[in-house]
Amino acid sequence: YADMWNPVLREAERCCFYGDISSKGDPESYLNSLFLLYNYFVEKYRCPGSEVLPLIVNTPGWVKGTGFDMLVEMLRYICPTIVVPIRTRMQRKNLPDGMFWLTGGETEPKVITIDAASRDSLSKSSLKRKDGGGMRERRLVEYFKQCFSSDISLATNKELAYALASLPPYEVSFSDVTVMHLHCEVPRTEIWHSLNATIVGLASSCDTPATAHAIPWCVGLGIVRGIDVQRGLLYVITPVAVEHLQSVDLLLQGLIEIPRSVLQVKGCESPYMSTNVRDKITGKDLYASNLNSPLSRQDDGDSDSDADTM
């Protein structure tokens, strides 16, 4: 992001959906996702004849207990050539001095220690309470704005909420997708109900790297706007391009919440109720090579208004 307060999003070349705002819930899965991304980078950009690109790893700020152990694992696996610790005046929040993760015999990196900014030019404290939740919400808002053309003005969250409420969703058959619950167990009878009004990762089983942990690549995020258990249908909105959706057959459910600012709209019966869904794009029409597309669109004008909605 060029600006943390006004994020500009770029399409990720590869990404994993961890599904939580903290690694505390499942440190092993977090590390496995990180290592998978690092291995991809090394195989593509550190092979002979490839362009040499720098890699910047922004580590979590959790540096005590399990967080410290995770940081050591990251450093040992990635073997950085430059490490930049940021120190504060509160010693208990700082990492140990020196190259504490090395066990001996490794090439020592260059360590550049810097102090966190605590005073501005007017000698006023610049340490403000971090609004992590607010920044995450703004990123999600900007992400789902991509559902709309850039020439549509969505200056406020209220405008985005109305736009999302009127956007025709994709229709997804239960039989065409598998649900993976990443951080909880859900009774089989409640699997589909548990997806309602959630943000899910969209992934493909055929594009899952051959690793011991089988973590699938994620192509983007979607909002499950409604479910129709009787018809066996989900209604999903997402900015992911149709050509990428053709192979999606995994829905990854974590603990990421829909931003409250776009969850309720005054005057709407339900912010994610729609009277129609997008036209169906069949394999015969556009994707003859992929006739088993799991994410399809309906063309008969049926309504999802009888479905469970948010």
Protein backbone atom coordinates (compact mmCIF):
# COMPACT_ATOMS: atom_id res chain seq x y z
CA TYR A 1 0.00 0.00 0.00
CA ALA A 2 1.30 3.43 -0.88
CA ASP A 3 -0.68 5.02 1.94
CA MET A 4 -1.94 3.11 4.99
CA TRP A 5 -4.92 5.46 5.32
CA ASN A 6 -5.79 5.50 1.60
CA PRO A 7 -4.71 2.09 0.37
CA VAL A 8 -4.06 1.45 -3.31
CA LEU A 9 -4.47 -2.23 -4.04
CA ARG A 10 -2.50 -4.33 -6.47
CA GLU A 11 -3.37 -7.80 -7.63
CA ALA A 12 -1.18 -10.28 -5.80
CA GLU A 13 0.85 -12.68 -7.89
CA ARG A 14 0.42 -15.32 -5.19
CA CYS A 15 -1.31 -15.22 -1.83
CA CYS A 16 -2.54 -17.48 0.95
CA PHE A 17 -5.70 -16.98 2.99
CA TYR A 18 -4.87 -17.36 6.67
CA GLY A 19 -8.27 -16.10 7.74
CA ASP A 20 -7.52 -14.25 10.96
CA ILE A 21 -6.04 -10.94 12.10
CA SER A 22 -3.54 -12.61 14.43
CA SER A 23 -1.24 -15.60 14.17
CA LYS A 24 -1.93 -16.54 17.81
CA GLY A 25 -4.77 -18.88 16.87
CA ASP A 26 -2.69 -21.15 14.64
CA PRO A 27 1.02 -20.25 14.56
CA GLU A 28 1.93 -23.39 12.61
CA SER A 29 -0.47 -22.62 9.78
CA TYR A 30 0.74 -19.02 9.69
CA LEU A 31 4.37 -20.11 9.36
CA ASN A 32 3.53 -22.74 6.73
CA SER A 33 1.79 -20.08 4.62
CA LEU A 34 4.76 -17.74 4.97
CA PHE A 35 7.24 -20.46 4.00
CA LEU A 36 5.10 -21.44 1.00
CA LEU A 37 5.15 -17.86 -0.29
CA TYR A 38 8.88 -17.59 0.32
CA ASN A 39 9.55 -20.84 -1.55
CA TYR A 40 7.52 -19.56 -4.49
CA PHE A 41 9.57 -16.37 -4.58
CA VAL A 42 12.87 -18.26 -4.44
CA GLU A 43 11.89 -20.72 -7.17
CA LYS A 44 10.74 -17.96 -9.52
CA TYR A 45 13.04 -15.05 -8.78
CA ARG A 46 16.22 -16.58 -7.41
CA CYS A 47 16.82 -19.16 -10.11
CA PRO A 48 19.71 -18.82 -12.60
CA GLY A 49 18.98 -16.36 -15.38
CA SER A 50 16.08 -14.64 -13.59
CA GLU A 51 15.98 -10.97 -12.70
CA VAL A 52 17.33 -10.40 -9.20
CA LEU A 53 14.62 -8.82 -7.08
CA PRO A 54 14.82 -7.81 -3.42
CA LEU A 55 12.40 -9.38 -0.98
CA ILE A 56 11.10 -7.39 2.00
CA VAL A 57 9.52 -9.38 4.83
CA ASN A 58 7.47 -7.34 7.30
CA THR A 59 7.42 -9.44 10.45
CA PRO A 60 4.58 -9.28 13.03
CA GLY A 61 4.99 -7.08 16.09
CA TRP A 62 4.39 -10.02 18.40
CA VAL A 63 7.84 -10.52 19.93
CA LYS A 64 7.15 -12.30 23.22
CA GLY A 65 6.51 -15.95 24.01
CA THR A 66 5.24 -17.87 21.00
CA GLY A 67 5.57 -14.73 18.89
CA PHE A 68 9.30 -14.64 19.58
CA ASP A 69 9.63 -18.33 18.70
CA MET A 70 7.82 -17.71 15.41
CA LEU A 71 10.11 -14.80 14.59
CA VAL A 72 13.17 -17.00 15.17
CA GLU A 73 11.70 -19.65 12.85
CA MET A 74 11.08 -17.03 10.16
CA LEU A 75 14.59 -15.61 10.37
CA ARG A 76 16.24 -19.03 10.26
CA TYR A 77 14.15 -20.16 7.29
CA ILE A 78 14.48 -17.00 5.20
CA CYS A 79 18.13 -16.24 6.08
CA PRO A 80 17.92 -12.49 5.44
CA THR A 81 20.97 -10.50 4.37
CA ILE A 82 19.76 -7.32 6.11
CA VAL A 83 17.75 -7.12 9.34
CA VAL A 84 16.28 -3.84 10.60
CA PRO A 85 15.09 -3.99 14.23
CA ILE A 86 13.00 -1.00 15.35
CA ARG A 87 13.52 -0.17 19.00
CA THR A 88 11.28 1.78 21.35
CA ARG A 89 11.95 3.46 24.67
CA MET A 90 10.08 0.63 26.41
CA GLN A 91 12.80 -1.98 26.73
CA ARG A 92 10.37 -4.83 27.40
CA LYS A 93 8.95 -4.38 23.89
CA ASN A 94 12.35 -4.65 22.20
CA LEU A 95 14.03 -7.73 20.79
CA PRO A 96 17.31 -8.99 22.26
CA ASP A 97 20.45 -7.31 21.02
CA GLY A 98 22.55 -8.98 18.34
CA MET A 99 21.75 -11.85 16.00
CA PHE A 100 19.81 -13.87 18.56
CA TRP A 101 18.37 -16.31 16.00
CA LEU A 102 21.69 -17.67 14.74
CA THR A 103 22.89 -21.03 16.02
CA GLY A 104 26.47 -20.78 14.72
CA GLY A 105 28.09 -21.29 11.35
CA GLU A 106 25.57 -19.24 9.35
CA THR A 107 26.46 -16.18 7.33
CA GLU A 108 25.81 -13.16 9.48
CA PRO A 109 23.48 -10.53 8.04
CA LYS A 110 23.93 -6.80 8.25
CA VAL A 111 21.91 -5.44 11.20
CA ILE A 112 20.68 -1.84 11.06
CA THR A 113 18.99 -0.81 14.30
CA ILE A 114 16.77 2.24 14.22
CA ASP A 115 14.73 3.99 16.90
CA ALA A 116 10.99 4.38 16.60
CA ALA A 117 9.94 7.99 16.06
CA SER A 118 8.63 9.35 19.35
CA ARG A 119 8.86 13.10 18.78
CA ASP A 120 7.96 15.30 15.84
CA SER A 121 9.58 18.56 14.74
CA LEU A 122 7.67 20.47 17.44
CA SER A 123 8.82 18.06 20.16
CA LYS A 124 5.30 16.70 20.49
CA SER A 125 4.77 13.03 21.06
CA SER A 126 4.02 11.25 17.78
CA LEU A 127 3.23 7.93 19.42
CA LYS A 128 -0.48 7.52 18.92
CA ARG A 129 -2.71 4.58 19.60
CA LYS A 130 -2.57 2.33 16.58
CA ASP A 131 -5.90 1.86 14.84
CA GLY A 132 -5.24 -1.60 13.44
CA GLY A 133 -8.92 -2.44 13.16
CA GLY A 134 -9.63 0.77 11.28
CA MET A 135 -6.82 0.15 8.79
CA ARG A 136 -7.97 -3.40 8.16
CA GLU A 137 -11.50 -2.19 7.56
CA ARG A 138 -10.33 0.45 5.09
CA ARG A 139 -8.37 -2.15 3.15
CA LEU A 140 -11.41 -4.41 2.90
CA VAL A 141 -13.59 -1.49 1.84
CA GLU A 142 -11.12 -0.57 -0.91
CA TYR A 143 -10.90 -4.22 -1.96
CA PHE A 144 -14.64 -4.63 -2.48
CA LYS A 145 -14.86 -1.28 -4.28
CA GLN A 146 -13.14 -3.17 -7.08
CA CYS A 147 -16.49 -4.88 -7.73
CA PHE A 148 -17.45 -1.70 -9.56
CA SER A 149 -16.12 0.24 -12.51
CA SER A 150 -13.62 2.96 -11.65
CA ASP A 151 -15.92 5.59 -13.18
CA ILE A 152 -18.55 4.92 -10.48
CA SER A 153 -18.17 7.34 -7.59
CA LEU A 154 -18.14 5.59 -4.21
CA ALA A 155 -16.78 8.34 -2.01
CA THR A 156 -18.37 7.16 1.22
CA ASN A 157 -18.93 3.82 2.91
CA LYS A 158 -22.66 4.46 2.76
CA GLU A 159 -22.51 4.71 -1.02
CA LEU A 160 -20.50 1.50 -1.16
CA ALA A 161 -23.00 -0.24 1.12
CA TYR A 162 -25.89 0.70 -1.19
CA ALA A 163 -23.86 -0.37 -4.23
CA LEU A 164 -23.03 -3.76 -2.71
CA ALA A 165 -26.68 -4.22 -1.74
CA SER A 166 -27.76 -3.75 -5.36
CA LEU A 167 -24.94 -5.69 -7.01
CA PRO A 168 -26.15 -8.96 -8.59
CA PRO A 169 -24.21 -11.84 -6.99
CA TYR A 170 -22.71 -14.98 -8.39
CA GLU A 171 -24.76 -18.13 -7.87
CA VAL A 172 -22.79 -21.07 -6.51
CA SER A 173 -24.09 -24.61 -6.16
CA PHE A 174 -23.30 -26.43 -2.90
CA SER A 175 -22.24 -29.47 -4.91
CA ASP A 176 -19.56 -27.55 -6.79
CA VAL A 177 -17.54 -26.28 -3.82
CA THR A 178 -15.86 -27.65 -0.72
CA VAL A 179 -15.79 -25.60 2.48
CA MET A 180 -12.63 -25.50 4.58
CA HIS A 181 -13.03 -24.08 8.10
CA LEU A 182 -9.59 -22.81 9.04
CA HIS A 183 -9.90 -21.95 12.71
CA CYS A 184 -12.93 -23.80 14.05
CA GLU A 185 -14.97 -26.96 13.74
CA VAL A 186 -18.53 -26.71 12.45
CA PRO A 187 -21.17 -29.47 12.60
CA ARG A 188 -21.95 -30.86 9.15
CA THR A 189 -25.56 -29.75 9.46
CA GLU A 190 -24.45 -26.14 9.95
CA ILE A 191 -21.69 -25.86 7.33
CA TRP A 192 -23.70 -23.82 4.83
CA HIS A 193 -25.46 -21.68 7.43
CA SER A 194 -22.05 -20.84 8.92
CA LEU A 195 -20.99 -19.25 5.64
CA ASN A 196 -23.83 -16.75 5.56
CA ALA A 197 -22.72 -13.12 5.94
CA THR A 198 -19.01 -14.00 6.00
CA ILE A 199 -15.91 -13.14 4.05
CA VAL A 200 -14.34 -16.21 2.46
CA GLY A 201 -11.16 -16.94 0.58
CA LEU A 202 -11.67 -18.25 -2.97
CA ALA A 203 -9.26 -21.02 -3.90
CA SER A 204 -8.73 -23.94 -6.26
CA SER A 205 -7.86 -27.49 -5.29
CA CYS A 206 -6.15 -28.09 -8.62
CA ASP A 207 -3.78 -25.18 -7.94
CA THR A 208 -2.70 -26.40 -4.52
CA PRO A 209 1.12 -26.73 -4.21
CA ALA A 210 2.34 -30.26 -3.62
CA THR A 211 3.49 -29.78 -0.04
CA ALA A 212 2.98 -31.72 3.16
CA HIS A 213 0.50 -29.13 4.41
CA ALA A 214 -1.49 -28.71 1.16
CA ILE A 215 -2.17 -24.99 1.50
CA PRO A 216 -4.12 -23.78 -1.55
CA TRP A 217 -3.34 -20.57 -3.38
CA CYS A 218 -6.06 -17.98 -2.86
CA VAL A 219 -7.28 -15.98 -5.88
CA GLY A 220 -9.21 -13.40 -3.85
CA LEU A 221 -11.99 -12.71 -1.37
CA GLY A 222 -15.75 -12.96 -1.58
CA ILE A 223 -18.73 -12.05 0.56
CA VAL A 224 -21.32 -14.78 1.02
CA ARG A 225 -24.35 -12.57 0.76
CA GLY A 226 -27.03 -15.19 1.16
CA ILE A 227 -27.74 -18.92 1.16
CA ASP A 228 -30.64 -21.01 -0.08
CA VAL A 229 -30.39 -24.39 1.62
CA GLN A 230 -33.50 -25.78 -0.08
CA ARG A 231 -32.10 -25.11 -3.54
CA GLY A 232 -28.52 -25.78 -2.49
CA LEU A 233 -27.21 -22.39 -3.56
CA LEU A 234 -24.86 -19.72 -2.25
CA TYR A 235 -24.87 -16.10 -3.41
CA VAL A 236 -21.40 -14.57 -3.53
CA ILE A 237 -20.09 -11.14 -4.51
CA THR A 238 -16.43 -10.70 -5.39
CA PRO A 239 -14.22 -8.44 -7.53
CA VAL A 240 -12.21 -11.45 -8.77
CA ALA A 241 -12.13 -11.67 -12.57
CA VAL A 242 -14.35 -14.30 -14.16
CA GLU A 243 -11.42 -16.08 -15.78
CA HIS A 244 -9.97 -16.75 -12.32
CA LEU A 245 -13.30 -17.85 -10.87
CA GLN A 246 -13.67 -20.66 -13.37
CA SER A 247 -11.38 -22.95 -11.37
CA VAL A 248 -12.55 -21.97 -7.87
CA ASP A 249 -13.88 -25.00 -5.98
CA LEU A 250 -12.76 -24.21 -2.41
CA LEU A 251 -14.27 -21.70 -0.01
CA LEU A 252 -11.94 -20.92 2.88
CA GLN A 253 -13.75 -19.65 5.95
CA GLY A 254 -11.75 -17.90 8.64
CA LEU A 255 -12.58 -15.25 11.19
CA ILE A 256 -12.44 -12.13 9.00
CA GLU A 257 -15.51 -9.98 9.62
CA ILE A 258 -17.37 -7.84 7.11
CA PRO A 259 -16.71 -4.14 7.86
CA ARG A 260 -19.55 -2.78 9.96
CA SER A 261 -19.59 0.39 7.90
CA VAL A 262 -20.99 -1.53 4.90
CA LEU A 263 -22.98 -4.13 6.80
CA GLN A 264 -26.17 -2.16 7.42
CA VAL A 265 -27.86 0.45 5.26
CA LYS A 266 -30.80 2.48 6.52
CA GLY A 267 -33.82 2.00 4.29
CA CYS A 268 -32.77 -1.40 2.94
CA GLU A 269 -34.64 -4.51 4.06
CA SER A 270 -31.30 -6.29 4.06
CA PRO A 271 -28.01 -4.81 2.85
CA TYR A 272 -27.22 -7.96 0.89
CA MET A 273 -30.66 -8.80 -0.47
CA SER A 274 -30.90 -8.87 -4.25
CA THR A 275 -33.76 -9.47 -6.66
CA ASN A 276 -31.60 -11.03 -9.34
CA VAL A 277 -28.24 -12.59 -10.02
CA ARG A 278 -25.78 -12.05 -12.81
CA ASP A 279 -26.25 -13.64 -16.21
CA LYS A 280 -24.96 -17.15 -16.40
CA ILE A 281 -21.75 -17.59 -18.35
CA THR A 282 -21.57 -21.16 -19.53
CA GLY A 283 -18.64 -23.18 -20.73
CA LYS A 284 -20.21 -23.32 -24.19
CA ASP A 285 -20.37 -19.56 -24.40
CA LEU A 286 -16.96 -18.46 -23.18
CA TYR A 287 -15.08 -21.28 -21.53
CA ALA A 288 -15.38 -24.34 -23.72
CA SER A 289 -12.24 -25.73 -22.13
CA ASN A 290 -13.78 -25.58 -18.65
CA LEU A 291 -17.34 -26.88 -18.76
CA ASN A 292 -17.36 -27.74 -15.06
CA SER A 293 -17.04 -24.20 -13.76
CA PRO A 294 -18.11 -24.21 -10.10
CA LEU A 295 -18.92 -20.50 -9.96
CA SER A 296 -21.73 -19.77 -12.40
CA ARG A 297 -24.32 -17.08 -12.94
CA GLN A 298 -28.07 -17.43 -13.33
CA ASP A 299 -29.89 -16.17 -16.43
CA ASP A 300 -33.55 -16.81 -15.63
CA GLY A 301 -34.02 -13.84 -13.31
CA ASP A 302 -34.76 -15.98 -10.24
CA SER A 303 -34.56 -14.16 -6.97
CA ASP A 304 -32.44 -14.99 -3.95
CA SER A 305 -34.95 -13.09 -1.82
CA ASP A 306 -36.24 -16.35 -0.28
CA ALA A 307 -32.78 -17.32 0.85
CA ASP A 308 -31.23 -16.75 4.25
CA THR A 309 -29.56 -13.36 4.07
CA MET A 310 -27.46 -11.11 6.19
